[in-house]
Amino acid sequence: MNSRRITNFKVVLAAIGLWLIFTLQGTNVDNVYVLFYLPLLFVAYIALKSPLSNEKLLNKYVSYIFAFLLSAVTVWKIAIDSEITVGWVFAVKAVLCILGLTFLFEKLFQLIIQFSLNHTLTGKSIGISWKASFGLILLGWLIYLIPFLPGNIAGDANFQLSQFFGDAPMTNHHPYFSTLFEGGLFRIGRSLVNDNFGLFLYVLIQLLLCALIYSFCISKVSKLGAGMSKKIAVIFSLFIGFTPYWSFASETLHKDGMFLAFFALYVTLLLLTVNRLFITKTEQPSAKEFVGLAFAGLLVCFWRNDGIYMVVPALICLIFVEKRKYWKQFLMTLAAVLLIYVGFNKVVLPALHVAPTEKREALSLPVQQTARYMKYYPHDITKSERQVLAQTFIKPSEIGKVYNPNISDPVKFSLKGHVNTKAYLKIWFAMGLRHPLVYFNATFAGTDEYYVPWEKAPNFSWAGDMSSWSRPKFLHTHYYVPAQIRLNFTKLVNKISDFPLINILFSFSMAFWLCLLMVAYLWREYGFKYVVPYIPIFMNLLVCIASPVNGMTRYAGCVVFATFILIGYYFFVIMNKKG
């Protein structure tokens, strides 16, 4: 009886929390996804509130902590976006919201784990060949490419072409290797025919390489253990081929299309290595396997300057798992990655007179916090702090006015050429101690779209264009299909992909929470070694939090495909342990 009363109390509190959420944020187009998802979750909560099975599920304390965190960021985002004044009334509403949503999310987390334990991905026909997956993906991408022939060019790629052809100084701001790859292929096509063919040649090769990588990943994971149902593998391949995410990303001249594929390859090779060495133990490790892992890691590093942070931690962890059984192999793999990456950046690039990326890129988060401070507390600054700010920013009095919570560029570009970083960080720390909530809000407002999953997930349809940003004067490319047809095509695929139940499949913030749940269960039940393949996902989140833009697909979009792959791996581990 007491248990039933407690359950009813939680249901009522969840309902109150849900109602208060809507009263706090109001109703508008921007929050339509909150209005859709949260009531749907509450309906599921009511429909599935019967007692859970006796199987081991997610640790209750961990589940409540995760549920509380998700509830807190959900409520705080609404407060930040709606610019609600924090007072006693709001505090009471916020506490009730967080409590109600915590009960709701905790139960749903447990139900998700229970669902995963009671279902499998296997079927009568198992797996898919890489050739079949490749063909399905390529078919979809070619359909997307036809209206946009000879291909698209992103703004960053314009600048990279300027660097490659000598119209701009060569730097490593956009990774040097990616600039050589893009410019080199473009030059070959340009010299053979014209600029349009140069663009087409690059897009074609990138498209084929990316399709090959994704099909390899799908095929390998679909054949793990008892295997994935062929129907699921086919649907997965069609999804990658026919949605405006990987299609637009892979048919556009920019570094991001290749980076997404390389990240997917690294995560896949990581989980295949963990499987062979620590789970099935069916094969002895070979040098080829470790070379492949190192090579995939280096591709990630050379196509994203912060890729090293996504690659190295997992390799370090692999040195110590399984009682350090393979510590020599993984240490050599790690050493190879670090030696090549550091040697290239510290020796090769200076020898080629390629300037490193600007130091101000690493200051995106601190300068945003300073700008928000200047916006809300412009008079609470000491004389010595004003002097340092004057030495750091071109017009320190203006940074509060140009502050944009979602992007640091307006403030970051206000930095002077030579900054005394030590002096600036000293006053930054002192100002933060006086008004820590300002710093917290600046961080949250500039990063929330990476971990609050009730937002509309963006896709790569923005890449379906020949950007005019930084477009070099020597570049002469044009589309063959009329603009109106391209516009109608983009509108159609965006309308379909914006539908909530489809859109959530592109959500990198939702992918993060799913990975968190999978890690919590696998780690508790089977040990740390099983969760190593998930480490790049969480490292990407940390990198995104330090990044200059909030909710950018270019930064976090890589985790979406990787999460689908890791879901397949998760089901494989459970099936393997069940025997």
Foldseek 3Di string as FASTA:
>chain_A
DVVVVVLVVLLVLLVLLLVLLCVLQPDDPFQVLVVPPSVVLSVVCVVPVDDDDPDDFFDLVVLLVLQLVLQLLSLVVSCLVVVPDDDPVSVVSSVSNSSSSSSSRSVVLRVVRSVLLVDFQADPDFFDALVLLLVLQVVLLVVLCVQQPLFFEDQVLLVLLCCVVVVDPFACQQQPVLSCLLNVQQVVLCVVPHNRRSLSRSLVVLLSVLSSLLSVLLRVLQPFDSGGYPVVSSVLSNCNRNAQFLSNLSRYSDLLNQLLSLLLNLLSLLLVVLCCVPFPVPDDDDLVSLVSNLVSQLSNCRRDVCSVLLRQPLLVVVCPPPNSPPNVSSVVSNCVNVCVNCCCVVPVCVVVVHHYRDPLQQCLLLLLLLLLCCQPPVPPADPLLVVLLVQFFVDSNCSVVQRDLFFRVVRSVRTDPDHPVVSNVVRSVVSCVVPVVSSVSSLSSHAVQQANLSGQADHSLVRSHHDPNSRDPVRDHDGPRDPVVSVVVSVVSCVVCRPNVNRSLQRNNVLVVVLVSLCSGCCVPPRDSNSSSCSSSVSLSVVSSSGRGYNDCSRRSSSSSSSVSVSSSSSSSSVSVVD
